[in-house]
Amino acid sequence: MRAIRILLPTLLLAACSQPAPPAADAAAAAPTSPPTTTTTPSEDAPAAGMSPDAVATPAEAAAQTTPATAAPDATADSSDGDVRQRIERLLGDAPRYEAVFTALQKGVAAHDAKAVAALPLYPVNVNVGGKKRKVADAATFEREYDRIITADIARTITEQTFDDVFVNWQGVMLGNGQIWINGICPANDCTKAKVGIVTVQD
């Protein structure tokens, strides 16, 4: 018994002097709750119309809110007034544009290659059948008439009405751009502008 009374204080002292467990072990042993995060709608919320699991980047979001633009040669139509008023406002001298349009329709309907070849402003841009080139003169245009004014282009021309042509600063467009009519001002004098076909394409 006396031995136990002597050893007991020694054992208690040894127990009290044990080092504390490492901090990392204590942290690992203690349960943790997930961190709380906040999200802002502008960064992480799905954009309207997207699937719930899709998140747009700022660049994508900008693209979604920006309207798509059409091809440059089919934009900026001035829709105020009738076609003649639009031509006068954007291009000038509507009667000359209408005269070229009417002569083109008559020539194509009659398959009159010589009459149609007299209408372009040379050299005229031609992009038909995957071949893009400039036709230098009326003789070449007349000789290659059937390769330039294909059946589909001829149909577009004959079915077009002048009141429904598309007008912008680049000219008067028939169909979906198969024919463009515009004016060229010689020596910067637009009172003497020549009006004619500037583009034929399929």
N, C-alpha and C. Protein backbone atom coordinates (compact mmCIF):
# COMPACT_ATOMS: atom_id res chain seq x y z
N MET A 1 0.84 -1.20 0.00
CA MET A 1 0.00 0.00 0.00
C MET A 1 0.87 1.24 0.00
N ARG A 2 1.94 1.17 0.79
CA ARG A 2 2.80 2.34 0.85
C ARG A 2 3.43 2.60 -0.50
N ALA A 3 3.74 1.54 -1.25
CA ALA A 3 4.33 1.71 -2.59
C ALA A 3 3.35 2.40 -3.52
N ILE A 4 2.07 2.05 -3.43
CA ILE A 4 1.04 2.67 -4.30
C ILE A 4 0.92 4.14 -3.98
N ARG A 5 0.96 4.48 -2.67
CA ARG A 5 0.83 5.90 -2.31
C ARG A 5 2.02 6.69 -2.81
N ILE A 6 3.17 6.06 -2.92
CA ILE A 6 4.36 6.77 -3.42
C ILE A 6 4.30 6.94 -4.94
N LEU A 7 3.83 5.90 -5.68
CA LEU A 7 3.81 5.93 -7.14
C LEU A 7 2.64 6.74 -7.72
N LEU A 8 1.56 6.83 -6.98
CA LEU A 8 0.36 7.50 -7.52
C LEU A 8 0.62 8.95 -7.88
N PRO A 9 1.26 9.75 -7.02
CA PRO A 9 1.53 11.14 -7.44
C PRO A 9 2.43 11.20 -8.66
N THR A 10 3.37 10.29 -8.80
CA THR A 10 4.27 10.28 -9.97
C THR A 10 3.51 10.00 -11.24
N LEU A 11 2.58 9.02 -11.18
CA LEU A 11 1.77 8.69 -12.36
C LEU A 11 0.88 9.85 -12.74
N LEU A 12 0.27 10.50 -11.77
CA LEU A 12 -0.62 11.65 -12.08
C LEU A 12 0.18 12.78 -12.71
N LEU A 13 1.36 13.03 -12.21
CA LEU A 13 2.20 14.09 -12.77
C LEU A 13 2.60 13.78 -14.21
N ALA A 14 2.91 12.53 -14.49
CA ALA A 14 3.28 12.13 -15.85
C ALA A 14 2.11 12.31 -16.81
N ALA A 15 0.91 11.96 -16.32
CA ALA A 15 -0.28 12.08 -17.18
C ALA A 15 -0.54 13.53 -17.51
N CYS A 16 -0.36 14.42 -16.58
CA CYS A 16 -0.64 15.84 -16.81
C CYS A 16 0.37 16.47 -17.74
N SER A 17 1.57 15.93 -17.82
CA SER A 17 2.62 16.55 -18.64
C SER A 17 2.66 16.01 -20.07
N GLN A 18 1.69 15.17 -20.54
CA GLN A 18 1.65 14.66 -21.92
C GLN A 18 1.39 15.81 -22.90
N PRO A 19 2.08 15.85 -24.07
CA PRO A 19 1.83 16.94 -25.05
C PRO A 19 0.44 16.83 -25.65
N ALA A 20 -0.09 18.00 -26.05
CA ALA A 20 -1.43 18.03 -26.69
C ALA A 20 -1.33 17.43 -28.08
N PRO A 21 -2.41 16.84 -28.62
CA PRO A 21 -2.37 16.28 -29.99
C PRO A 21 -2.09 17.37 -31.01
N PRO A 22 -1.45 17.02 -32.11
CA PRO A 22 -1.16 18.02 -33.15
C PRO A 22 -2.43 18.71 -33.62
N ALA A 23 -2.30 20.01 -34.02
CA ALA A 23 -3.47 20.79 -34.46
C ALA A 23 -4.12 20.18 -35.69
N ALA A 24 -3.29 19.65 -36.62
CA ALA A 24 -3.85 19.07 -37.85
C ALA A 24 -4.73 17.89 -37.52
N ASP A 25 -4.28 17.02 -36.55
CA ASP A 25 -5.09 15.87 -36.19
C ASP A 25 -6.39 16.30 -35.55
N ALA A 26 -6.33 17.35 -34.74
CA ALA A 26 -7.54 17.82 -34.09
C ALA A 26 -8.51 18.37 -35.11
N ALA A 27 -7.95 19.07 -36.11
CA ALA A 27 -8.84 19.64 -37.13
C ALA A 27 -9.47 18.54 -37.94
N ALA A 28 -8.68 17.48 -38.23
CA ALA A 28 -9.22 16.39 -39.03
C ALA A 28 -10.30 15.66 -38.27
N ALA A 29 -10.12 15.55 -36.95
CA ALA A 29 -11.09 14.80 -36.17
C ALA A 29 -12.39 15.56 -35.99
N ALA A 30 -12.28 16.88 -35.96
CA ALA A 30 -13.49 17.68 -35.71
C ALA A 30 -14.32 17.75 -36.97
N PRO A 31 -15.62 17.53 -36.90
CA PRO A 31 -16.47 17.63 -38.09
C PRO A 31 -16.54 19.09 -38.54
N THR A 32 -16.55 19.26 -39.88
CA THR A 32 -16.63 20.62 -40.42
C THR A 32 -17.90 20.76 -41.25
N SER A 33 -18.41 21.97 -41.28
CA SER A 33 -19.58 22.25 -42.13
C SER A 33 -19.09 22.85 -43.43
N PRO A 34 -19.81 22.66 -44.56
CA PRO A 34 -19.35 23.18 -45.84
C PRO A 34 -19.31 24.71 -45.80
N PRO A 35 -18.35 25.32 -46.51
CA PRO A 35 -18.27 26.78 -46.49
C PRO A 35 -19.48 27.38 -47.18
N THR A 36 -19.90 28.50 -46.71
CA THR A 36 -21.04 29.19 -47.33
C THR A 36 -20.51 30.11 -48.40
N THR A 37 -21.17 30.07 -49.59
CA THR A 37 -20.76 30.93 -50.70
C THR A 37 -21.97 31.68 -51.19
N THR A 38 -21.72 32.82 -51.76
CA THR A 38 -22.80 33.60 -52.36
C THR A 38 -22.50 33.77 -53.82
N THR A 39 -23.51 33.72 -54.64
CA THR A 39 -23.33 33.91 -56.07
C THR A 39 -24.17 35.08 -56.50
N THR A 40 -23.66 35.76 -57.50
CA THR A 40 -24.41 36.89 -58.04
C THR A 40 -25.05 36.48 -59.34
N PRO A 41 -26.28 36.91 -59.60
CA PRO A 41 -26.97 36.50 -60.83
C PRO A 41 -26.18 36.82 -62.07
N SER A 42 -25.42 37.92 -62.05
CA SER A 42 -24.71 38.31 -63.27
C SER A 42 -23.58 37.36 -63.60
N GLU A 43 -23.07 36.61 -62.63
CA GLU A 43 -21.93 35.74 -62.91
C GLU A 43 -22.32 34.29 -63.10
N ASP A 44 -23.21 33.78 -62.26
CA ASP A 44 -23.42 32.33 -62.24
C ASP A 44 -24.84 31.89 -62.56
N ALA A 45 -25.78 32.76 -62.55
CA ALA A 45 -27.15 32.33 -62.81
C ALA A 45 -27.33 32.04 -64.29
N PRO A 46 -28.06 31.00 -64.64
CA PRO A 46 -28.31 30.73 -66.06
C PRO A 46 -29.05 31.89 -66.69
N ALA A 47 -28.65 32.21 -67.91
CA ALA A 47 -29.35 33.27 -68.63
C ALA A 47 -30.73 32.80 -69.02
N ALA A 48 -31.64 33.74 -69.19
CA ALA A 48 -33.00 33.39 -69.58
C ALA A 48 -32.98 32.62 -70.89
N GLY A 49 -33.76 31.57 -70.95
CA GLY A 49 -33.84 30.77 -72.16
C GLY A 49 -32.81 29.67 -72.25
N MET A 50 -31.85 29.62 -71.34
CA MET A 50 -30.84 28.57 -71.36
C MET A 50 -31.27 27.43 -70.46
N SER A 51 -30.66 26.27 -70.64
CA SER A 51 -30.98 25.15 -69.77
C SER A 51 -30.46 25.45 -68.37
N PRO A 52 -31.08 24.91 -67.31
CA PRO A 52 -30.69 25.25 -65.95
C PRO A 52 -29.24 24.98 -65.62
N ASP A 53 -28.60 24.02 -66.32
CA ASP A 53 -27.22 23.70 -65.99
C ASP A 53 -26.22 24.44 -66.87
N ALA A 54 -26.71 25.34 -67.69
CA ALA A 54 -25.81 26.11 -68.56
C ALA A 54 -25.60 27.48 -67.95
N VAL A 55 -24.37 27.89 -67.91
CA VAL A 55 -24.04 29.21 -67.37
C VAL A 55 -23.25 29.95 -68.43
N ALA A 56 -23.72 31.12 -68.79
CA ALA A 56 -23.07 31.89 -69.85
C ALA A 56 -21.92 32.69 -69.28
N THR A 57 -20.84 32.71 -70.05
CA THR A 57 -19.73 33.60 -69.70
C THR A 57 -20.14 35.01 -70.08
N PRO A 58 -19.45 36.03 -69.56
CA PRO A 58 -19.80 37.40 -69.96
C PRO A 58 -19.80 37.59 -71.46
N ALA A 59 -18.83 36.98 -72.17
CA ALA A 59 -18.79 37.14 -73.62
C ALA A 59 -19.99 36.48 -74.27
N GLU A 60 -20.36 35.28 -73.77
CA GLU A 60 -21.52 34.59 -74.33
C GLU A 60 -22.79 35.37 -74.05
N ALA A 61 -22.89 35.92 -72.87
CA ALA A 61 -24.08 36.69 -72.53
C ALA A 61 -24.21 37.89 -73.45
N ALA A 62 -23.08 38.54 -73.74
CA ALA A 62 -23.12 39.69 -74.64
C ALA A 62 -23.56 39.27 -76.02
N ALA A 63 -23.08 38.09 -76.47
CA ALA A 63 -23.45 37.60 -77.79
C ALA A 63 -24.93 37.29 -77.87
N GLN A 64 -25.51 36.79 -76.76
CA GLN A 64 -26.92 36.44 -76.77
C GLN A 64 -27.81 37.66 -76.81
N THR A 65 -27.33 38.77 -76.27
CA THR A 65 -28.16 39.96 -76.25
C THR A 65 -27.92 40.85 -77.45
N THR A 66 -26.92 40.51 -78.26
CA THR A 66 -26.65 41.30 -79.45
C THR A 66 -27.36 40.67 -80.63
N PRO A 67 -28.23 41.42 -81.32
CA PRO A 67 -28.93 40.82 -82.45
C PRO A 67 -27.96 40.47 -83.56
N ALA A 68 -28.27 39.35 -84.22
CA ALA A 68 -27.42 38.94 -85.32
C ALA A 68 -27.56 39.93 -86.46
N THR A 69 -26.49 40.20 -87.15
CA THR A 69 -26.53 41.12 -88.26
C THR A 69 -26.56 40.34 -89.56
N ALA A 70 -27.29 40.88 -90.51
CA ALA A 70 -27.38 40.23 -91.80
C ALA A 70 -26.15 40.56 -92.61
N ALA A 71 -26.02 39.96 -93.84
CA ALA A 71 -24.91 40.27 -94.71
C ALA A 71 -24.90 41.75 -95.04
N PRO A 72 -23.70 42.36 -95.23
CA PRO A 72 -23.63 43.79 -95.44
C PRO A 72 -24.44 44.28 -96.63
N ASP A 73 -24.59 43.43 -97.65
CA ASP A 73 -25.30 43.90 -98.83
C ASP A 73 -26.81 43.75 -98.71
N ALA A 74 -27.29 43.33 -97.55
CA ALA A 74 -28.74 43.18 -97.37
C ALA A 74 -29.19 43.78 -96.05
N THR A 75 -28.59 44.88 -95.68
CA THR A 75 -28.96 45.56 -94.44
C THR A 75 -29.20 47.03 -94.70
N ALA A 76 -29.63 47.69 -93.64
CA ALA A 76 -29.83 49.14 -93.68
C ALA A 76 -30.88 49.55 -94.70
N ASP A 77 -31.91 48.73 -94.86
CA ASP A 77 -33.02 49.09 -95.73
C ASP A 77 -33.80 50.23 -95.09
N SER A 78 -34.07 51.25 -95.87
CA SER A 78 -34.91 52.34 -95.37
C SER A 78 -36.34 52.01 -95.74
N SER A 79 -37.16 51.71 -94.74
CA SER A 79 -38.51 51.21 -95.00
C SER A 79 -39.55 52.31 -95.00
N ASP A 80 -39.14 53.57 -94.81
CA ASP A 80 -40.12 54.66 -94.82
C ASP A 80 -40.50 55.00 -96.25
N GLY A 81 -41.81 55.08 -96.51
CA GLY A 81 -42.28 55.43 -97.84
C GLY A 81 -42.23 54.28 -98.80
N ASP A 82 -42.67 54.53 -100.05
CA ASP A 82 -42.65 53.46 -101.04
C ASP A 82 -41.26 53.37 -101.65
N VAL A 83 -41.09 52.40 -102.55
CA VAL A 83 -39.76 52.12 -103.07
C VAL A 83 -39.17 53.31 -103.81
N ARG A 84 -39.99 54.04 -104.52
CA ARG A 84 -39.48 55.19 -105.27
C ARG A 84 -38.99 56.30 -104.34
N GLN A 85 -39.70 56.49 -103.25
CA GLN A 85 -39.26 57.48 -102.26
C GLN A 85 -37.94 57.05 -101.61
N ARG A 86 -37.81 55.74 -101.35
CA ARG A 86 -36.57 55.25 -100.74
C ARG A 86 -35.40 55.41 -101.70
N ILE A 87 -35.63 55.13 -102.99
CA ILE A 87 -34.56 55.31 -103.97
C ILE A 87 -34.15 56.77 -104.06
N GLU A 88 -35.14 57.66 -104.10
CA GLU A 88 -34.83 59.09 -104.17
C GLU A 88 -34.01 59.54 -102.96
N ARG A 89 -34.39 59.04 -101.80
CA ARG A 89 -33.72 59.47 -100.57
C ARG A 89 -32.31 58.89 -100.46
N LEU A 90 -32.12 57.62 -100.86
CA LEU A 90 -30.83 56.96 -100.67
C LEU A 90 -29.94 57.01 -101.90
N LEU A 91 -30.54 56.99 -103.10
CA LEU A 91 -29.74 56.84 -104.31
C LEU A 91 -29.95 57.97 -105.31
N GLY A 92 -31.14 58.55 -105.31
CA GLY A 92 -31.45 59.61 -106.24
C GLY A 92 -32.01 59.11 -107.56
N ASP A 93 -32.88 59.91 -108.17
CA ASP A 93 -33.40 59.67 -109.53
C ASP A 93 -34.04 58.29 -109.71
N ALA A 94 -35.13 58.07 -109.01
CA ALA A 94 -35.83 56.78 -109.07
C ALA A 94 -36.24 56.38 -110.48
N PRO A 95 -36.67 57.31 -111.36
CA PRO A 95 -37.08 56.88 -112.70
C PRO A 95 -35.99 56.14 -113.48
N ARG A 96 -34.72 56.53 -113.29
CA ARG A 96 -33.65 55.82 -114.01
C ARG A 96 -33.47 54.40 -113.50
N TYR A 97 -33.64 54.21 -112.18
CA TYR A 97 -33.57 52.85 -111.62
C TYR A 97 -34.73 52.00 -112.12
N GLU A 98 -35.90 52.60 -112.18
CA GLU A 98 -37.07 51.84 -112.65
C GLU A 98 -36.93 51.50 -114.13
N ALA A 99 -36.33 52.41 -114.91
CA ALA A 99 -36.14 52.15 -116.34
C ALA A 99 -35.20 50.96 -116.56
N VAL A 100 -34.12 50.89 -115.79
CA VAL A 100 -33.20 49.76 -115.91
C VAL A 100 -33.89 48.47 -115.51
N PHE A 101 -34.66 48.51 -114.41
CA PHE A 101 -35.39 47.34 -113.95
C PHE A 101 -36.35 46.84 -115.02
N THR A 102 -37.11 47.76 -115.62
CA THR A 102 -38.10 47.38 -116.63
C THR A 102 -37.42 46.80 -117.88
N ALA A 103 -36.34 47.44 -118.32
CA ALA A 103 -35.62 46.94 -119.49
C ALA A 103 -35.02 45.56 -119.21
N LEU A 104 -34.55 45.34 -117.99
CA LEU A 104 -33.99 44.03 -117.63
C LEU A 104 -35.07 42.96 -117.67
N GLN A 105 -36.22 43.25 -117.09
CA GLN A 105 -37.30 42.26 -117.11
C GLN A 105 -37.74 41.92 -118.52
N LYS A 106 -37.90 42.94 -119.36
CA LYS A 106 -38.33 42.70 -120.74
C LYS A 106 -37.28 41.91 -121.51
N GLY A 107 -36.02 42.27 -121.34
CA GLY A 107 -34.95 41.58 -122.06
C GLY A 107 -34.83 40.12 -121.64
N VAL A 108 -34.93 39.86 -120.34
CA VAL A 108 -34.82 38.48 -119.86
C VAL A 108 -36.02 37.66 -120.29
N ALA A 109 -37.21 38.25 -120.20
CA ALA A 109 -38.43 37.53 -120.62
C ALA A 109 -38.37 37.14 -122.09
N ALA A 110 -37.75 37.99 -122.93
CA ALA A 110 -37.64 37.72 -124.36
C ALA A 110 -36.36 36.96 -124.70
N HIS A 111 -35.55 36.65 -123.71
CA HIS A 111 -34.25 36.01 -123.91
C HIS A 111 -33.43 36.80 -124.93
N ASP A 112 -33.45 38.12 -124.77
CA ASP A 112 -32.74 39.03 -125.66
C ASP A 112 -31.38 39.36 -125.04
N ALA A 113 -30.38 38.57 -125.37
CA ALA A 113 -29.06 38.72 -124.77
C ALA A 113 -28.45 40.08 -125.06
N LYS A 114 -28.66 40.60 -126.26
CA LYS A 114 -28.08 41.89 -126.63
C LYS A 114 -28.67 43.02 -125.79
N ALA A 115 -29.99 42.99 -125.58
CA ALA A 115 -30.65 44.03 -124.80
C ALA A 115 -30.21 43.99 -123.33
N VAL A 116 -30.10 42.79 -122.79
CA VAL A 116 -29.68 42.66 -121.38
C VAL A 116 -28.22 43.05 -121.24
N ALA A 117 -27.38 42.70 -122.19
CA ALA A 117 -25.96 43.02 -122.13
C ALA A 117 -25.71 44.53 -122.18
N ALA A 118 -26.69 45.29 -122.63
CA ALA A 118 -26.54 46.75 -122.69
C ALA A 118 -26.78 47.41 -121.33
N LEU A 119 -27.25 46.66 -120.34
CA LEU A 119 -27.67 47.25 -119.06
C LEU A 119 -26.58 47.30 -117.97
N PRO A 120 -25.61 46.40 -117.92
CA PRO A 120 -24.61 46.49 -116.86
C PRO A 120 -23.68 47.69 -117.02
N LEU A 121 -23.08 48.08 -115.89
CA LEU A 121 -22.01 49.07 -115.88
C LEU A 121 -20.70 48.27 -115.85
N TYR A 122 -19.94 48.32 -116.92
CA TYR A 122 -18.75 47.48 -117.06
C TYR A 122 -17.51 48.16 -116.48
N PRO A 123 -16.61 47.29 -115.93
CA PRO A 123 -16.71 45.83 -115.75
C PRO A 123 -17.72 45.50 -114.66
N VAL A 124 -18.55 44.50 -114.92
CA VAL A 124 -19.60 44.11 -113.99
C VAL A 124 -19.17 42.88 -113.20
N ASN A 125 -19.51 42.85 -111.93
CA ASN A 125 -19.17 41.71 -111.07
C ASN A 125 -20.12 40.55 -111.35
N VAL A 126 -19.57 39.38 -111.62
CA VAL A 126 -20.37 38.18 -111.87
C VAL A 126 -19.83 37.07 -110.97
N ASN A 127 -20.72 36.45 -110.22
CA ASN A 127 -20.35 35.34 -109.33
C ASN A 127 -21.41 34.25 -109.49
N VAL A 128 -21.22 33.42 -110.49
CA VAL A 128 -22.21 32.40 -110.85
C VAL A 128 -21.50 31.05 -110.99
N GLY A 129 -22.12 30.02 -110.42
CA GLY A 129 -21.55 28.67 -110.53
C GLY A 129 -20.22 28.52 -109.83
N GLY A 130 -20.02 29.31 -108.77
CA GLY A 130 -18.78 29.22 -108.02
C GLY A 130 -17.62 29.96 -108.65
N LYS A 131 -17.85 30.66 -109.78
CA LYS A 131 -16.79 31.42 -110.44
C LYS A 131 -17.05 32.91 -110.25
N LYS A 132 -16.13 33.56 -109.55
CA LYS A 132 -16.25 34.99 -109.30
C LYS A 132 -15.30 35.73 -110.23
N ARG A 133 -15.82 36.66 -111.00
CA ARG A 133 -14.99 37.37 -111.97
C ARG A 133 -15.62 38.69 -112.35
N LYS A 134 -14.93 39.44 -113.17
CA LYS A 134 -15.47 40.67 -113.74
C LYS A 134 -15.61 40.48 -115.25
N VAL A 135 -16.80 40.76 -115.74
CA VAL A 135 -17.02 40.70 -117.19
C VAL A 135 -16.73 42.08 -117.74
N ALA A 136 -15.83 42.15 -118.71
CA ALA A 136 -15.26 43.44 -119.13
C ALA A 136 -16.17 44.27 -120.01
N ASP A 137 -17.00 43.63 -120.84
CA ASP A 137 -17.75 44.43 -121.82
C ASP A 137 -19.03 43.72 -122.25
N ALA A 138 -19.84 44.45 -123.00
CA ALA A 138 -21.14 43.94 -123.44
C ALA A 138 -20.99 42.75 -124.38
N ALA A 139 -19.96 42.77 -125.22
CA ALA A 139 -19.77 41.66 -126.17
C ALA A 139 -19.53 40.35 -125.42
N THR A 140 -18.73 40.40 -124.36
CA THR A 140 -18.45 39.19 -123.57
C THR A 140 -19.72 38.76 -122.84
N PHE A 141 -20.45 39.71 -122.27
CA PHE A 141 -21.68 39.39 -121.55
C PHE A 141 -22.68 38.72 -122.50
N GLU A 142 -22.83 39.29 -123.69
CA GLU A 142 -23.78 38.73 -124.65
C GLU A 142 -23.37 37.32 -125.07
N ARG A 143 -22.09 37.13 -125.29
CA ARG A 143 -21.58 35.82 -125.72
C ARG A 143 -21.79 34.77 -124.63
N GLU A 144 -21.67 35.16 -123.37
CA GLU A 144 -21.78 34.22 -122.25
C GLU A 144 -23.13 34.36 -121.52
N TYR A 145 -24.09 34.93 -122.20
CA TYR A 145 -25.38 35.25 -121.57
C TYR A 145 -25.98 34.08 -120.79
N ASP A 146 -26.06 32.91 -121.40
CA ASP A 146 -26.72 31.77 -120.75
C ASP A 146 -25.95 31.25 -119.54
N ARG A 147 -24.65 31.49 -119.49
CA ARG A 147 -23.88 31.09 -118.32
C ARG A 147 -23.97 32.13 -117.21
N ILE A 148 -24.31 33.36 -117.57
CA ILE A 148 -24.43 34.43 -116.57
C ILE A 148 -25.86 34.54 -116.06
N ILE A 149 -26.80 34.65 -116.97
CA ILE A 149 -28.21 34.73 -116.58
C ILE A 149 -28.76 33.30 -116.64
N THR A 150 -28.55 32.57 -115.57
CA THR A 150 -29.02 31.17 -115.51
C THR A 150 -30.54 31.14 -115.40
N ALA A 151 -31.10 29.94 -115.50
CA ALA A 151 -32.56 29.79 -115.41
C ALA A 151 -33.08 30.30 -114.08
N ASP A 152 -32.36 30.03 -112.99
CA ASP A 152 -32.81 30.48 -111.67
C ASP A 152 -32.75 32.00 -111.54
N ILE A 153 -31.68 32.60 -112.06
CA ILE A 153 -31.57 34.05 -112.01
C ILE A 153 -32.63 34.69 -112.90
N ALA A 154 -32.86 34.12 -114.07
CA ALA A 154 -33.91 34.64 -114.97
C ALA A 154 -35.28 34.59 -114.29
N ARG A 155 -35.56 33.50 -113.58
CA ARG A 155 -36.84 33.38 -112.89
C ARG A 155 -36.97 34.45 -111.80
N THR A 156 -35.89 34.68 -111.08
CA THR A 156 -35.91 35.72 -110.04
C THR A 156 -36.23 37.08 -110.65
N ILE A 157 -35.62 37.38 -111.78
CA ILE A 157 -35.82 38.68 -112.43
C ILE A 157 -37.27 38.83 -112.90
N THR A 158 -37.79 37.82 -113.57
CA THR A 158 -39.13 37.95 -114.15
C THR A 158 -40.22 37.93 -113.09
N GLU A 159 -39.95 37.31 -111.93
CA GLU A 159 -40.97 37.25 -110.89
C GLU A 159 -40.93 38.45 -109.94
N GLN A 160 -39.88 39.24 -110.01
CA GLN A 160 -39.73 40.39 -109.12
C GLN A 160 -40.67 41.53 -109.54
N THR A 161 -41.25 42.22 -108.57
CA THR A 161 -42.01 43.44 -108.86
C THR A 161 -41.21 44.62 -108.34
N PHE A 162 -41.27 45.72 -109.07
CA PHE A 162 -40.48 46.88 -108.70
C PHE A 162 -40.89 47.42 -107.33
N ASP A 163 -42.15 47.34 -107.01
CA ASP A 163 -42.63 47.86 -105.72
C ASP A 163 -42.10 47.05 -104.53
N ASP A 164 -41.55 45.87 -104.79
CA ASP A 164 -41.07 45.02 -103.70
C ASP A 164 -39.56 44.87 -103.68
N VAL A 165 -38.83 45.65 -104.48
CA VAL A 165 -37.37 45.52 -104.45
C VAL A 165 -36.84 46.04 -103.13
N PHE A 166 -35.67 45.53 -102.77
CA PHE A 166 -34.98 45.96 -101.56
C PHE A 166 -34.07 47.14 -101.92
N VAL A 167 -34.04 48.15 -101.08
CA VAL A 167 -33.24 49.34 -101.36
C VAL A 167 -32.36 49.67 -100.16
N ASN A 168 -31.08 49.87 -100.38
CA ASN A 168 -30.22 50.47 -99.37
C ASN A 168 -29.17 51.32 -100.07
N TRP A 169 -28.20 51.79 -99.32
CA TRP A 169 -27.21 52.70 -99.90
C TRP A 169 -26.37 52.05 -100.99
N GLN A 170 -26.39 50.71 -101.05
CA GLN A 170 -25.61 50.01 -102.08
C GLN A 170 -26.38 49.82 -103.37
N GLY A 171 -27.65 50.16 -103.38
CA GLY A 171 -28.40 50.05 -104.62
C GLY A 171 -29.75 49.39 -104.45
N VAL A 172 -30.27 48.91 -105.58
CA VAL A 172 -31.57 48.23 -105.64
C VAL A 172 -31.28 46.75 -105.85
N MET A 173 -31.86 45.93 -104.99
CA MET A 173 -31.58 44.49 -105.02
C MET A 173 -32.81 43.72 -105.49
N LEU A 174 -32.61 42.79 -106.42
CA LEU A 174 -33.67 41.90 -106.87
C LEU A 174 -33.47 40.53 -106.22
N GLY A 175 -34.58 39.91 -105.85
CA GLY A 175 -34.52 38.58 -105.25
C GLY A 175 -33.77 38.62 -103.93
N ASN A 176 -32.87 37.65 -103.75
CA ASN A 176 -32.05 37.59 -102.55
C ASN A 176 -30.64 38.10 -102.82
N GLY A 177 -30.52 38.99 -103.79
CA GLY A 177 -29.22 39.54 -104.14
C GLY A 177 -28.69 39.05 -105.46
N GLN A 178 -29.54 38.37 -106.25
CA GLN A 178 -29.08 37.86 -107.55
C GLN A 178 -28.68 39.01 -108.48
N ILE A 179 -29.41 40.11 -108.40
CA ILE A 179 -29.10 41.28 -109.23
C ILE A 179 -29.04 42.51 -108.35
N TRP A 180 -28.00 43.33 -108.56
CA TRP A 180 -27.91 44.64 -107.91
C TRP A 180 -27.82 45.70 -108.99
N ILE A 181 -28.63 46.74 -108.85
CA ILE A 181 -28.61 47.89 -109.75
C ILE A 181 -28.16 49.09 -108.94
N ASN A 182 -27.20 49.85 -109.46
CA ASN A 182 -26.72 51.02 -108.74
C ASN A 182 -26.24 52.06 -109.74
N GLY A 183 -25.85 53.21 -109.22
CA GLY A 183 -25.39 54.29 -110.08
C GLY A 183 -23.93 54.61 -109.84
N ILE A 184 -23.26 55.08 -110.88
CA ILE A 184 -21.88 55.52 -110.80
C ILE A 184 -21.81 56.97 -111.26
N CYS A 185 -21.18 57.78 -110.44
CA CYS A 185 -21.09 59.21 -110.75
C CYS A 185 -19.80 59.48 -111.50
N PRO A 186 -19.87 59.89 -112.76
CA PRO A 186 -18.63 60.20 -113.49
C PRO A 186 -18.05 61.53 -113.03
N ALA A 187 -16.75 61.54 -112.77
CA ALA A 187 -16.03 62.76 -112.38
C ALA A 187 -16.70 63.45 -111.19
N ASN A 188 -17.20 62.63 -110.26
CA ASN A 188 -17.83 63.15 -109.03
C ASN A 188 -19.03 64.05 -109.30
N ASP A 189 -19.64 63.90 -110.46
CA ASP A 189 -20.83 64.69 -110.78
C ASP A 189 -22.03 63.77 -110.81
N CYS A 190 -22.73 63.68 -109.68
CA CYS A 190 -23.83 62.72 -109.58
C CYS A 190 -25.10 63.19 -110.26
N THR A 191 -25.09 64.40 -110.81
CA THR A 191 -26.25 64.82 -111.61
C THR A 191 -26.26 64.07 -112.94
N LYS A 192 -25.11 63.47 -113.30
CA LYS A 192 -25.00 62.70 -114.54
C LYS A 192 -24.69 61.23 -114.25
N ALA A 193 -25.18 60.75 -113.13
CA ALA A 193 -24.88 59.37 -112.73
C ALA A 193 -25.41 58.38 -113.75
N LYS A 194 -24.60 57.36 -114.03
CA LYS A 194 -25.03 56.26 -114.89
C LYS A 194 -25.60 55.17 -114.00
N VAL A 195 -26.76 54.67 -114.34
CA VAL A 195 -27.42 53.64 -113.55
C VAL A 195 -27.45 52.36 -114.37
N GLY A 196 -27.07 51.26 -113.73
CA GLY A 196 -27.08 49.99 -114.42
C GLY A 196 -26.83 48.83 -113.48
N ILE A 197 -26.72 47.64 -114.03
CA ILE A 197 -26.46 46.44 -113.24
C ILE A 197 -24.99 46.46 -112.82
N VAL A 198 -24.75 46.26 -111.53
CA VAL A 198 -23.37 46.24 -111.03
C VAL A 198 -22.95 44.85 -110.54
N THR A 199 -23.94 43.97 -110.26
CA THR A 199 -23.62 42.62 -109.77
C THR A 199 -24.65 41.63 -110.29
N VAL A 200 -24.16 40.47 -110.71
CA VAL A 200 -25.01 39.32 -111.03
C VAL A 200 -24.42 38.14 -110.27
N GLN A 201 -25.26 37.46 -109.45
CA GLN A 201 -24.75 36.32 -108.68
C GLN A 201 -25.87 35.33 -108.41
N ASP A 202 -25.47 34.08 -108.16
CA ASP A 202 -26.49 33.07 -107.88
C ASP A 202 -26.51 32.70 -106.42
